[in-house]
Amino acid sequence: MKNDQEQLLIQSSLDGNPEALTELLDQVKDRVFNLSLRMLGNVYDAEDATQEILLKTMMNLSSFK
């Protein structure tokens, strides 16, 4: 179910809906941060990595598969 909702948000974002992009990023940011924290072991580095990952996600959303 969650993947279906994410797919809808991705498509809506690609169609130009900024609210959908905001909601999509809100839904995934905690998972991205937690994974970054486990991999990097440092809160500050994990925050930086999360920010970079979410930015790259926004910039490259059109190539999402």
C-alpha atoms as a PDB file:
ATOM      1  CA  MET A   1       0.000   0.000   0.000  1.00  0.00           C
ATOM      2  CA  LYS A   2       2.764   2.402   0.922  1.00  0.00           C
ATOM      3  CA  ASN A   3       4.522   1.826  -2.404  1.00  0.00           C
ATOM      4  CA  ASP A   4       1.282   2.512  -4.283  1.00  0.00           C
ATOM      5  CA  GLN A   5       0.875   5.814  -2.448  1.00  0.00           C
ATOM      6  CA  GLU A   6       4.501   6.717  -3.112  1.00  0.00           C
ATOM      7  CA  GLN A   7       4.046   5.909  -6.796  1.00  0.00           C
ATOM      8  CA  LEU A   8       1.017   8.210  -6.938  1.00  0.00           C
ATOM      9  CA  LEU A   9       2.965  10.984  -5.211  1.00  0.00           C
ATOM     10  CA  ILE A  10       5.869  10.537  -7.620  1.00  0.00           C
ATOM     11  CA  GLN A  11       3.597  10.761 -10.626  1.00  0.00           C
ATOM     12  CA  SER A  12       1.783  13.761  -9.223  1.00  0.00           C
ATOM     13  CA  SER A  13       5.116  15.444  -8.522  1.00  0.00           C
ATOM     14  CA  LEU A  14       6.244  14.811 -12.074  1.00  0.00           C
ATOM     15  CA  ASP A  15       2.970  16.339 -13.265  1.00  0.00           C
ATOM     16  CA  GLY A  16       3.942  19.553 -11.486  1.00  0.00           C
ATOM     17  CA  ASN A  17       2.235  19.244  -8.101  1.00  0.00           C
ATOM     18  CA  PRO A  18       4.619  20.753  -5.512  1.00  0.00           C
ATOM     19  CA  GLU A  19       2.453  19.584  -2.585  1.00  0.00           C
ATOM     20  CA  ALA A  20       2.876  15.977  -3.723  1.00  0.00           C
ATOM     21  CA  LEU A  21       6.651  16.395  -3.810  1.00  0.00           C
ATOM     22  CA  THR A  22       6.611  17.847  -0.298  1.00  0.00           C
ATOM     23  CA  GLU A  23       4.490  14.968   0.977  1.00  0.00           C
ATOM     24  CA  LEU A  24       6.700  12.405  -0.750  1.00  0.00           C
ATOM     25  CA  LEU A  25       9.852  13.834   0.813  1.00  0.00           C
ATOM     26  CA  ASP A  26       8.150  14.016   4.220  1.00  0.00           C
ATOM     27  CA  GLN A  27       7.252  10.336   3.957  1.00  0.00           C
ATOM     28  CA  VAL A  28      10.755   9.141   3.128  1.00  0.00           C
ATOM     29  CA  LYS A  29      12.999  11.525   5.067  1.00  0.00           C
ATOM     30  CA  ASP A  30      12.935   9.554   8.332  1.00  0.00           C
ATOM     31  CA  ARG A  31      13.780   6.283   6.566  1.00  0.00           C
ATOM     32  CA  VAL A  32      16.617   7.968   4.689  1.00  0.00           C
ATOM     33  CA  PHE A  33      17.942   9.535   7.900  1.00  0.00           C
ATOM     34  CA  ASN A  34      17.781   6.264   9.842  1.00  0.00           C
ATOM     35  CA  LEU A  35      19.618   4.384   7.117  1.00  0.00           C
ATOM     36  CA  SER A  36      22.220   7.155   6.867  1.00  0.00           C
ATOM     37  CA  LEU A  37      22.703   7.119  10.626  1.00  0.00           C
ATOM     38  CA  ARG A  38      23.212   3.360  10.693  1.00  0.00           C
ATOM     39  CA  MET A  39      25.721   3.574   7.864  1.00  0.00           C
ATOM     40  CA  LEU A  40      27.615   6.650   9.059  1.00  0.00           C
ATOM     41  CA  GLY A  41      27.253   6.342  12.844  1.00  0.00           C
ATOM     42  CA  ASN A  42      27.196  10.097  13.353  1.00  0.00           C
ATOM     43  CA  VAL A  43      24.097  12.300  13.601  1.00  0.00           C
ATOM     44  CA  TYR A  44      25.678  15.292  11.879  1.00  0.00           C
ATOM     45  CA  ASP A  45      26.973  13.253   8.959  1.00  0.00           C
ATOM     46  CA  ALA A  46      23.614  11.472   8.683  1.00  0.00           C
ATOM     47  CA  GLU A  47      21.791  14.813   8.562  1.00  0.00           C
ATOM     48  CA  ASP A  48      24.112  16.040   5.798  1.00  0.00           C
ATOM     49  CA  ALA A  49      23.740  12.804   3.850  1.00  0.00           C
ATOM     50  CA  THR A  50      19.953  12.901   4.215  1.00  0.00           C
ATOM     51  CA  GLN A  51      19.826  16.440   2.905  1.00  0.00           C
ATOM     52  CA  GLU A  52      21.996  15.545  -0.086  1.00  0.00           C
ATOM     53  CA  ILE A  53      19.993  12.408  -0.852  1.00  0.00           C
ATOM     54  CA  LEU A  54      16.658  14.237  -0.709  1.00  0.00           C
ATOM     55  CA  LEU A  55      18.012  17.017  -2.903  1.00  0.00           C
ATOM     56  CA  LYS A  56      19.261  14.511  -5.485  1.00  0.00           C
ATOM     57  CA  THR A  57      15.893  12.775  -5.300  1.00  0.00           C
ATOM     58  CA  MET A  58      14.128  16.030  -6.112  1.00  0.00           C
ATOM     59  CA  MET A  59      16.481  16.878  -8.948  1.00  0.00           C
ATOM     60  CA  ASN A  60      16.360  13.421 -10.539  1.00  0.00           C
ATOM     61  CA  LEU A  61      12.793  12.370  -9.858  1.00  0.00           C
ATOM     62  CA  SER A  62      11.998  12.221 -13.556  1.00  0.00           C
ATOM     63  CA  SER A  63      14.436   9.320 -13.995  1.00  0.00           C
ATOM     64  CA  PHE A  64      12.853   7.312 -11.162  1.00  0.00           C
ATOM     65  CA  LYS A  65      11.942   3.723 -12.057  1.00  0.00           C
END
